[in-house]
Amino acid sequence: MSPAYPPGRGLLAGKTVLITAAAGTGIGSALARRCLEEGATVAISDVHERRLAATAEALSAYGPTPLTFRCDVTVEAEVGAMVSGCLSAWGHVDVLMNNAGLGGYAPLTEMTDAAWSRVLDVTLTGTMRCTRAMLPSMLARGQGAIVNNASVLGWRAQEGQSHYAAAKAGVMAFTRCVAMEVAARGVRINAVAPSLASHPFLAKVTPPGLLEALAAREAMGRGAEPWEVANVMVFLASDLSSYMTGEVLAVSSQQP
């Protein structure tokens, strides 16, 4: 049984937050809701324009309607336009949440170069592009927080996930390295590594029975609710984690 949904505590009061890949039913939209409930002003992006507009409208029930940016994180010009749009609207961005990622199931012998490259381009290189675009403004202010969405598959082995696991392990290493580059200039960069976050879209791209098997391996016998992952991302974005940078926190009920 999942725990009760927690109330907001003002952890992001007065902060501006940009969240990538936030449309739909997954971690991104749950994260946008949590940020609004914690007092933030929010912008969301997604590659699916219609779903993005619907998500923004639904989120208006929890705070000011988010800004929206149609953005494919594999296209540098679109990433730049998204960051510039936030800076034009707000003057600065306090928090960047790099949530965009792409998975799928494919044994290596059946995996094409295109499938491998697509997963890495969205999940790893997309995280790099967004971070690279945002850092100059954060460094100029001498403050900011970036939270990346990795996965426990960056540590664990799971068949059919070599492309996704390689990308997420890369996000972990990227997080640690860039955090060291900018720590002395007031910018913190951390990541979360969820084990299993249950939402409808995930079931559509996962072989039958796999999600149930993975949930049974968790100590609590279930996957995380997307908002349970979002809570940890909010913590890493907030001032409560002011001495943390270059860290990867597992959001999991089992050890890596």
C-alpha atoms as a PDB file:
ATOM      1  CA  MET A   1       0.000   0.000   0.000  1.00  0.00           C
ATOM      2  CA  SER A   2       1.302   3.435  -0.914  1.00  0.00           C
ATOM      3  CA  PRO A   3       1.634   6.083   1.818  1.00  0.00           C
ATOM      4  CA  ALA A   4      -0.617   9.121   2.043  1.00  0.00           C
ATOM      5  CA  TYR A   5       0.239  11.983  -0.282  1.00  0.00           C
ATOM      6  CA  PRO A   6       2.150  14.594   1.773  1.00  0.00           C
ATOM      7  CA  PRO A   7       1.257  18.295   1.983  1.00  0.00           C
ATOM      8  CA  GLY A   8       3.582  21.005   0.734  1.00  0.00           C
ATOM      9  CA  ARG A   9       6.004  22.545   3.217  1.00  0.00           C
ATOM     10  CA  GLY A  10       7.266  25.569   1.315  1.00  0.00           C
ATOM     11  CA  LEU A  11      10.584  23.939   0.473  1.00  0.00           C
ATOM     12  CA  LEU A  12      10.842  25.797  -2.841  1.00  0.00           C
ATOM     13  CA  ALA A  13       9.032  28.998  -1.881  1.00  0.00           C
ATOM     14  CA  GLY A  14      10.034  31.864  -4.147  1.00  0.00           C
ATOM     15  CA  LYS A  15      12.167  29.700  -6.451  1.00  0.00           C
ATOM     16  CA  THR A  16      11.885  29.326 -10.225  1.00  0.00           C
ATOM     17  CA  VAL A  17      12.082  25.764 -11.536  1.00  0.00           C
ATOM     18  CA  LEU A  18      12.413  24.360 -15.057  1.00  0.00           C
ATOM     19  CA  ILE A  19      11.476  20.689 -15.532  1.00  0.00           C
ATOM     20  CA  THR A  20      12.132  18.802 -18.764  1.00  0.00           C
ATOM     21  CA  ALA A  21       9.901  15.988 -20.085  1.00  0.00           C
ATOM     22  CA  ALA A  22       7.115  16.938 -17.692  1.00  0.00           C
ATOM     23  CA  ALA A  23       4.010  16.082 -19.717  1.00  0.00           C
ATOM     24  CA  GLY A  24       1.975  12.930 -19.208  1.00  0.00           C
ATOM     25  CA  THR A  25       1.697  10.656 -16.192  1.00  0.00           C
ATOM     26  CA  GLY A  26       5.284   9.989 -15.156  1.00  0.00           C
ATOM     27  CA  ILE A  27       7.838  11.452 -12.781  1.00  0.00           C
ATOM     28  CA  GLY A  28       8.036  14.781 -14.633  1.00  0.00           C
ATOM     29  CA  SER A  29       4.408  15.789 -14.185  1.00  0.00           C
ATOM     30  CA  ALA A  30       4.421  14.533 -10.590  1.00  0.00           C
ATOM     31  CA  LEU A  31       7.539  16.604 -10.007  1.00  0.00           C
ATOM     32  CA  ALA A  32       5.928  19.718 -11.481  1.00  0.00           C
ATOM     33  CA  ARG A  33       2.976  19.301  -9.145  1.00  0.00           C
ATOM     34  CA  ARG A  34       5.241  18.843  -6.118  1.00  0.00           C
ATOM     35  CA  CYS A  35       7.263  21.943  -7.028  1.00  0.00           C
ATOM     36  CA  LEU A  36       4.084  24.009  -7.310  1.00  0.00           C
ATOM     37  CA  GLU A  37       2.855  22.656  -3.975  1.00  0.00           C
ATOM     38  CA  GLU A  38       6.216  23.574  -2.442  1.00  0.00           C
ATOM     39  CA  GLY A  39       5.792  27.209  -3.539  1.00  0.00           C
ATOM     40  CA  ALA A  40       7.824  27.337  -6.760  1.00  0.00           C
ATOM     41  CA  THR A  41       7.110  29.112 -10.014  1.00  0.00           C
ATOM     42  CA  VAL A  42       7.386  26.396 -12.654  1.00  0.00           C
ATOM     43  CA  ALA A  43       8.132  25.934 -16.338  1.00  0.00           C
ATOM     44  CA  ILE A  44       7.705  22.575 -18.041  1.00  0.00           C
ATOM     45  CA  SER A  45       8.899  21.242 -21.353  1.00  0.00           C
ATOM     46  CA  ASP A  46       8.113  18.199 -23.445  1.00  0.00           C
ATOM     47  CA  VAL A  47       8.419  17.027 -27.025  1.00  0.00           C
ATOM     48  CA  HIS A  48       4.667  16.297 -27.179  1.00  0.00           C
ATOM     49  CA  GLU A  49       3.028  19.692 -27.622  1.00  0.00           C
ATOM     50  CA  ARG A  50      -0.623  18.685 -27.123  1.00  0.00           C
ATOM     51  CA  ARG A  51       0.154  16.629 -24.028  1.00  0.00           C
ATOM     52  CA  LEU A  52       2.275  19.500 -22.725  1.00  0.00           C
ATOM     53  CA  ALA A  53      -0.645  21.937 -22.942  1.00  0.00           C
ATOM     54  CA  ALA A  54      -2.990  19.473 -21.235  1.00  0.00           C
ATOM     55  CA  THR A  55      -0.490  18.905 -18.442  1.00  0.00           C
ATOM     56  CA  ALA A  56      -0.033  22.630 -17.844  1.00  0.00           C
ATOM     57  CA  GLU A  57      -3.790  23.087 -17.618  1.00  0.00           C
ATOM     58  CA  ALA A  58      -4.099  20.233 -15.118  1.00  0.00           C
ATOM     59  CA  LEU A  59      -1.229  21.619 -13.037  1.00  0.00           C
ATOM     60  CA  SER A  60      -2.971  24.978 -12.715  1.00  0.00           C
ATOM     61  CA  ALA A  61      -5.045  23.370  -9.959  1.00  0.00           C
ATOM     62  CA  TYR A  62      -1.939  23.349  -7.733  1.00  0.00           C
ATOM     63  CA  GLY A  63      -0.510  26.809  -8.344  1.00  0.00           C
ATOM     64  CA  PRO A  64       0.171  29.340 -11.082  1.00  0.00           C
ATOM     65  CA  THR A  65      -0.136  27.784 -14.537  1.00  0.00           C
ATOM     66  CA  PRO A  66       3.366  26.720 -15.620  1.00  0.00           C
ATOM     67  CA  LEU A  67       5.165  28.205 -18.572  1.00  0.00           C
ATOM     68  CA  THR A  68       5.407  25.668 -21.380  1.00  0.00           C
ATOM     69  CA  PHE A  69       8.138  25.013 -23.924  1.00  0.00           C
ATOM     70  CA  ARG A  70       7.940  22.463 -26.694  1.00  0.00           C
ATOM     71  CA  CYS A  71      11.487  21.111 -26.588  1.00  0.00           C
ATOM     72  CA  ASP A  72      13.295  18.111 -28.009  1.00  0.00           C
ATOM     73  CA  VAL A  73      16.395  17.765 -25.840  1.00  0.00           C
ATOM     74  CA  THR A  74      18.288  16.207 -28.750  1.00  0.00           C
ATOM     75  CA  VAL A  75      18.109  19.539 -30.618  1.00  0.00           C
ATOM     76  CA  GLU A  76      20.508  22.138 -29.256  1.00  0.00           C
ATOM     77  CA  ALA A  77      18.595  25.086 -30.729  1.00  0.00           C
ATOM     78  CA  GLU A  78      15.377  24.008 -28.988  1.00  0.00           C
ATOM     79  CA  VAL A  79      17.189  23.574 -25.679  1.00  0.00           C
ATOM     80  CA  GLY A  80      18.666  27.039 -26.048  1.00  0.00           C
ATOM     81  CA  ALA A  81      15.280  28.553 -26.845  1.00  0.00           C
ATOM     82  CA  MET A  82      13.759  26.891 -23.772  1.00  0.00           C
ATOM     83  CA  VAL A  83      16.435  28.250 -21.432  1.00  0.00           C
ATOM     84  CA  SER A  84      16.308  31.694 -23.044  1.00  0.00           C
ATOM     85  CA  GLY A  85      12.526  31.731 -22.703  1.00  0.00           C
ATOM     86  CA  CYS A  86      12.734  31.044 -18.977  1.00  0.00           C
ATOM     87  CA  LEU A  87      15.395  33.696 -18.479  1.00  0.00           C
ATOM     88  CA  SER A  88      13.353  36.233 -20.443  1.00  0.00           C
ATOM     89  CA  ALA A  89      10.251  35.504 -18.384  1.00  0.00           C
ATOM     90  CA  TRP A  90      11.838  35.289 -14.947  1.00  0.00           C
ATOM     91  CA  GLY A  91      15.290  36.885 -15.144  1.00  0.00           C
ATOM     92  CA  HIS A  92      16.893  33.769 -13.660  1.00  0.00           C
ATOM     93  CA  VAL A  93      16.284  30.062 -13.048  1.00  0.00           C
ATOM     94  CA  ASP A  94      16.963  28.756  -9.545  1.00  0.00           C
ATOM     95  CA  VAL A  95      16.513  25.058 -10.311  1.00  0.00           C
ATOM     96  CA  LEU A  96      16.855  22.860 -13.391  1.00  0.00           C
ATOM     97  CA  MET A  97      15.331  19.394 -13.201  1.00  0.00           C
ATOM     98  CA  ASN A  98      16.729  17.186 -15.985  1.00  0.00           C
ATOM     99  CA  ASN A  99      14.016  14.569 -16.232  1.00  0.00           C
ATOM    100  CA  ALA A 100      14.077  13.732 -19.961  1.00  0.00           C
ATOM    101  CA  GLY A 101      14.969  10.133 -20.672  1.00  0.00           C
ATOM    102  CA  LEU A 102      14.175   7.314 -23.062  1.00  0.00           C
ATOM    103  CA  GLY A 103      14.172   3.609 -22.346  1.00  0.00           C
ATOM    104  CA  GLY A 104      12.863   0.461 -23.949  1.00  0.00           C
ATOM    105  CA  TYR A 105      13.636  -3.247 -23.987  1.00  0.00           C
ATOM    106  CA  ALA A 106      16.103  -4.750 -26.477  1.00  0.00           C
ATOM    107  CA  PRO A 107      18.626  -7.602 -26.144  1.00  0.00           C
ATOM    108  CA  LEU A 108      21.943  -6.428 -27.521  1.00  0.00           C
ATOM    109  CA  THR A 109      21.905  -8.889 -30.421  1.00  0.00           C
ATOM    110  CA  GLU A 110      18.648  -7.325 -31.586  1.00  0.00           C
ATOM    111  CA  MET A 111      19.613  -3.704 -30.891  1.00  0.00           C
ATOM    112  CA  THR A 112      20.360  -1.405 -33.805  1.00  0.00           C
ATOM    113  CA  ASP A 113      22.888   1.416 -33.780  1.00  0.00           C
ATOM    114  CA  ALA A 114      19.970   3.816 -34.196  1.00  0.00           C
ATOM    115  CA  ALA A 115      18.166   2.475 -31.112  1.00  0.00           C
ATOM    116  CA  TRP A 116      21.353   2.626 -29.018  1.00  0.00           C
ATOM    117  CA  SER A 117      22.170   6.157 -30.176  1.00  0.00           C
ATOM    118  CA  ARG A 118      18.626   7.439 -29.660  1.00  0.00           C
ATOM    119  CA  VAL A 119      18.508   6.327 -26.008  1.00  0.00           C
ATOM    120  CA  LEU A 120      21.906   7.857 -25.262  1.00  0.00           C
ATOM    121  CA  ASP A 121      21.110  11.063 -27.138  1.00  0.00           C
ATOM    122  CA  VAL A 122      17.902  11.719 -25.193  1.00  0.00           C
ATOM    123  CA  THR A 123      18.949  10.401 -21.799  1.00  0.00           C
ATOM    124  CA  LEU A 124      22.617  11.296 -21.451  1.00  0.00           C
ATOM    125  CA  THR A 125      23.431  13.884 -24.093  1.00  0.00           C
ATOM    126  CA  GLY A 126      20.090  15.620 -23.539  1.00  0.00           C
ATOM    127  CA  THR A 127      20.980  16.019 -19.866  1.00  0.00           C
ATOM    128  CA  MET A 128      24.330  17.470 -20.917  1.00  0.00           C
ATOM    129  CA  ARG A 129      22.739  19.911 -23.396  1.00  0.00           C
ATOM    130  CA  CYS A 130      20.266  21.285 -20.877  1.00  0.00           C
ATOM    131  CA  THR A 131      22.888  21.585 -18.158  1.00  0.00           C
ATOM    132  CA  ARG A 132      25.344  23.277 -20.506  1.00  0.00           C
ATOM    133  CA  ALA A 133      22.725  25.776 -21.629  1.00  0.00           C
ATOM    134  CA  MET A 134      21.648  26.628 -18.082  1.00  0.00           C
ATOM    135  CA  LEU A 135      24.995  26.831 -16.305  1.00  0.00           C
ATOM    136  CA  PRO A 136      26.229  30.215 -17.608  1.00  0.00           C
ATOM    137  CA  SER A 137      23.308  32.097 -16.053  1.00  0.00           C
ATOM    138  CA  MET A 138      23.573  30.176 -12.764  1.00  0.00           C
ATOM    139  CA  LEU A 139      27.318  30.745 -12.583  1.00  0.00           C
ATOM    140  CA  ALA A 140      26.859  34.443 -13.296  1.00  0.00           C
ATOM    141  CA  ARG A 141      24.528  34.684 -10.270  1.00  0.00           C
ATOM    142  CA  GLY A 142      26.717  32.457  -8.120  1.00  0.00           C
ATOM    143  CA  GLN A 143      23.845  30.161  -7.201  1.00  0.00           C
ATOM    144  CA  GLY A 144      21.584  27.453  -8.529  1.00  0.00           C
ATOM    145  CA  ALA A 145      20.716  23.789  -8.225  1.00  0.00           C
ATOM    146  CA  ILE A 146      20.469  21.102 -10.890  1.00  0.00           C
ATOM    147  CA  VAL A 147      18.863  17.724 -10.254  1.00  0.00           C
ATOM    148  CA  ASN A 148      19.302  14.915 -12.776  1.00  0.00           C
ATOM    149  CA  ASN A 149      17.158  11.804 -13.094  1.00  0.00           C
ATOM    150  CA  ALA A 150      19.367   8.717 -13.275  1.00  0.00           C
ATOM    151  CA  SER A 151      18.378   5.127 -12.428  1.00  0.00           C
ATOM    152  CA  VAL A 152      19.520   2.269 -10.242  1.00  0.00           C
ATOM    153  CA  LEU A 153      20.266   0.513 -13.535  1.00  0.00           C
ATOM    154  CA  GLY A 154      23.381   2.663 -13.567  1.00  0.00           C
ATOM    155  CA  TRP A 155      24.505   0.284 -10.804  1.00  0.00           C
ATOM    156  CA  ARG A 156      22.477  -2.884 -11.333  1.00  0.00           C
ATOM    157  CA  ALA A 157      22.319  -5.385 -14.174  1.00  0.00           C
ATOM    158  CA  GLN A 158      19.058  -6.063 -16.009  1.00  0.00           C
ATOM    159  CA  GLU A 159      18.726  -7.866 -19.305  1.00  0.00           C
ATOM    160  CA  GLY A 160      17.501  -5.933 -22.300  1.00  0.00           C
ATOM    161  CA  GLN A 161      18.574  -2.620 -20.772  1.00  0.00           C
ATOM    162  CA  SER A 162      22.191  -2.191 -21.873  1.00  0.00           C
ATOM    163  CA  HIS A 163      21.503   1.072 -23.741  1.00  0.00           C
ATOM    164  CA  TYR A 164      19.391   2.583 -20.963  1.00  0.00           C
ATOM    165  CA  ALA A 165      21.744   1.407 -18.198  1.00  0.00           C
ATOM    166  CA  ALA A 166      24.766   2.792 -20.030  1.00  0.00           C
ATOM    167  CA  ALA A 167      23.003   6.136 -20.468  1.00  0.00           C
ATOM    168  CA  LYS A 168      21.959   6.342 -16.820  1.00  0.00           C
ATOM    169  CA  ALA A 169      25.436   5.350 -15.587  1.00  0.00           C
ATOM    170  CA  GLY A 170      26.670   8.171 -17.784  1.00  0.00           C
ATOM    171  CA  VAL A 171      24.235  10.586 -16.131  1.00  0.00           C
ATOM    172  CA  MET A 172      25.675   9.581 -12.757  1.00  0.00           C
ATOM    173  CA  ALA A 173      29.267  10.157 -13.863  1.00  0.00           C
ATOM    174  CA  PHE A 174      28.319  13.404 -15.603  1.00  0.00           C
ATOM    175  CA  THR A 175      26.610  14.618 -12.421  1.00  0.00           C
ATOM    176  CA  ARG A 176      29.676  13.955 -10.286  1.00  0.00           C
ATOM    177  CA  CYS A 177      32.179  15.499 -12.691  1.00  0.00           C
ATOM    178  CA  VAL A 178      30.295  18.695 -13.517  1.00  0.00           C
ATOM    179  CA  ALA A 179      29.385  19.173  -9.851  1.00  0.00           C
ATOM    180  CA  MET A 180      33.096  19.399  -9.088  1.00  0.00           C
ATOM    181  CA  GLU A 181      33.572  21.993 -11.844  1.00  0.00           C
ATOM    182  CA  VAL A 182      30.986  24.398 -10.460  1.00  0.00           C
ATOM    183  CA  ALA A 183      30.839  23.760  -6.705  1.00  0.00           C
ATOM    184  CA  ALA A 184      33.148  26.639  -5.782  1.00  0.00           C
ATOM    185  CA  ARG A 185      30.955  29.004  -7.810  1.00  0.00           C
ATOM    186  CA  GLY A 186      27.757  28.329  -5.895  1.00  0.00           C
ATOM    187  CA  VAL A 187      25.987  25.785  -8.114  1.00  0.00           C
ATOM    188  CA  ARG A 188      25.050  22.334  -6.827  1.00  0.00           C
ATOM    189  CA  ILE A 189      24.382  19.310  -9.069  1.00  0.00           C
ATOM    190  CA  ASN A 190      22.944  16.045  -7.748  1.00  0.00           C
ATOM    191  CA  ALA A 191      20.942  13.123  -9.106  1.00  0.00           C
ATOM    192  CA  VAL A 192      18.334  10.623  -8.056  1.00  0.00           C
ATOM    193  CA  ALA A 193      18.415   6.963  -9.055  1.00  0.00           C
ATOM    194  CA  PRO A 194      14.914   5.464  -8.865  1.00  0.00           C
ATOM    195  CA  SER A 195      14.502   1.708  -8.945  1.00  0.00           C
ATOM    196  CA  LEU A 196      10.921   1.398 -10.176  1.00  0.00           C
ATOM    197  CA  ALA A 197       8.399   4.215 -10.464  1.00  0.00           C
ATOM    198  CA  SER A 198       4.985   2.917 -11.481  1.00  0.00           C
ATOM    199  CA  HIS A 199       2.957   4.857 -14.045  1.00  0.00           C
ATOM    200  CA  PRO A 200       0.777   3.959 -17.049  1.00  0.00           C
ATOM    201  CA  PHE A 201       3.274   4.883 -19.773  1.00  0.00           C
ATOM    202  CA  LEU A 202       5.914   2.544 -18.345  1.00  0.00           C
ATOM    203  CA  ALA A 203       3.597  -0.423 -18.733  1.00  0.00           C
ATOM    204  CA  LYS A 204       3.241   0.346 -22.454  1.00  0.00           C
ATOM    205  CA  VAL A 205       6.978  -0.016 -23.153  1.00  0.00           C
ATOM    206  CA  THR A 206       7.745  -2.976 -20.863  1.00  0.00           C
ATOM    207  CA  PRO A 207       7.379  -6.695 -21.699  1.00  0.00           C
ATOM    208  CA  PRO A 208       4.341  -8.341 -20.044  1.00  0.00           C
ATOM    209  CA  GLY A 209       4.960  -9.465 -16.478  1.00  0.00           C
ATOM    210  CA  LEU A 210       8.281  -7.651 -16.059  1.00  0.00           C
ATOM    211  CA  LEU A 211       6.956  -4.772 -13.946  1.00  0.00           C
ATOM    212  CA  GLU A 212       5.220  -7.201 -11.615  1.00  0.00           C
ATOM    213  CA  ALA A 213       8.421  -9.227 -11.264  1.00  0.00           C
ATOM    214  CA  LEU A 214      10.483  -6.130 -10.562  1.00  0.00           C
ATOM    215  CA  ALA A 215       7.967  -4.857  -7.998  1.00  0.00           C
ATOM    216  CA  ALA A 216       8.082  -8.204  -6.186  1.00  0.00           C
ATOM    217  CA  ARG A 217      11.855  -7.781  -5.752  1.00  0.00           C
ATOM    218  CA  GLU A 218      11.418  -4.491  -3.911  1.00  0.00           C
ATOM    219  CA  ALA A 219      11.435  -4.720  -0.121  1.00  0.00           C
ATOM    220  CA  MET A 220       8.048  -2.976   0.050  1.00  0.00           C
ATOM    221  CA  GLY A 221       6.604  -5.242  -2.627  1.00  0.00           C
ATOM    222  CA  ARG A 222       5.686  -2.348  -4.904  1.00  0.00           C
ATOM    223  CA  GLY A 223       7.158   0.264  -7.171  1.00  0.00           C
ATOM    224  CA  ALA A 224       7.439   3.861  -6.043  1.00  0.00           C
ATOM    225  CA  GLU A 225       4.690   6.320  -6.786  1.00  0.00           C
ATOM    226  CA  PRO A 226       6.091   8.989  -9.152  1.00  0.00           C
ATOM    227  CA  TRP A 227       5.569  11.612  -6.443  1.00  0.00           C
ATOM    228  CA  GLU A 228       7.792   9.609  -4.064  1.00  0.00           C
ATOM    229  CA  VAL A 229      10.660  10.088  -6.512  1.00  0.00           C
ATOM    230  CA  ALA A 230       9.646  13.729  -6.975  1.00  0.00           C
ATOM    231  CA  ASN A 231       9.884  14.303  -3.210  1.00  0.00           C
ATOM    232  CA  VAL A 232      13.567  13.368  -3.226  1.00  0.00           C
ATOM    233  CA  MET A 233      14.231  15.581  -6.241  1.00  0.00           C
ATOM    234  CA  VAL A 234      12.553  18.478  -4.427  1.00  0.00           C
ATOM    235  CA  PHE A 235      14.780  17.842  -1.404  1.00  0.00           C
ATOM    236  CA  LEU A 236      17.903  17.972  -3.587  1.00  0.00           C
ATOM    237  CA  ALA A 237      16.682  21.226  -5.140  1.00  0.00           C
ATOM    238  CA  SER A 238      15.890  22.807  -1.786  1.00  0.00           C
ATOM    239  CA  ASP A 239      18.084  24.575   0.736  1.00  0.00           C
ATOM    240  CA  LEU A 240      17.803  21.529   3.000  1.00  0.00           C
ATOM    241  CA  SER A 241      20.475  19.852   0.847  1.00  0.00           C
ATOM    242  CA  SER A 242      22.787  22.886   0.794  1.00  0.00           C
ATOM    243  CA  TYR A 243      25.926  20.835   1.558  1.00  0.00           C
ATOM    244  CA  MET A 244      25.228  18.124  -1.023  1.00  0.00           C
ATOM    245  CA  THR A 245      26.715  18.150  -4.502  1.00  0.00           C
ATOM    246  CA  GLY A 246      27.928  15.432  -6.851  1.00  0.00           C
ATOM    247  CA  GLU A 247      25.750  12.890  -5.064  1.00  0.00           C
ATOM    248  CA  VAL A 248      23.462  10.211  -6.501  1.00  0.00           C
ATOM    249  CA  LEU A 249      20.628   9.193  -4.164  1.00  0.00           C
ATOM    250  CA  ALA A 250      18.895   5.872  -4.726  1.00  0.00           C
ATOM    251  CA  VAL A 251      15.124   6.121  -4.440  1.00  0.00           C
ATOM    252  CA  SER A 252      14.619   2.475  -3.799  1.00  0.00           C
ATOM    253  CA  SER A 253      13.484  -0.074  -1.243  1.00  0.00           C
ATOM    254  CA  GLN A 254      16.493  -2.278  -1.908  1.00  0.00           C
ATOM    255  CA  GLN A 255      20.226  -1.635  -1.933  1.00  0.00           C
ATOM    256  CA  PRO A 256      22.065  -1.092  -5.241  1.00  0.00           C
END
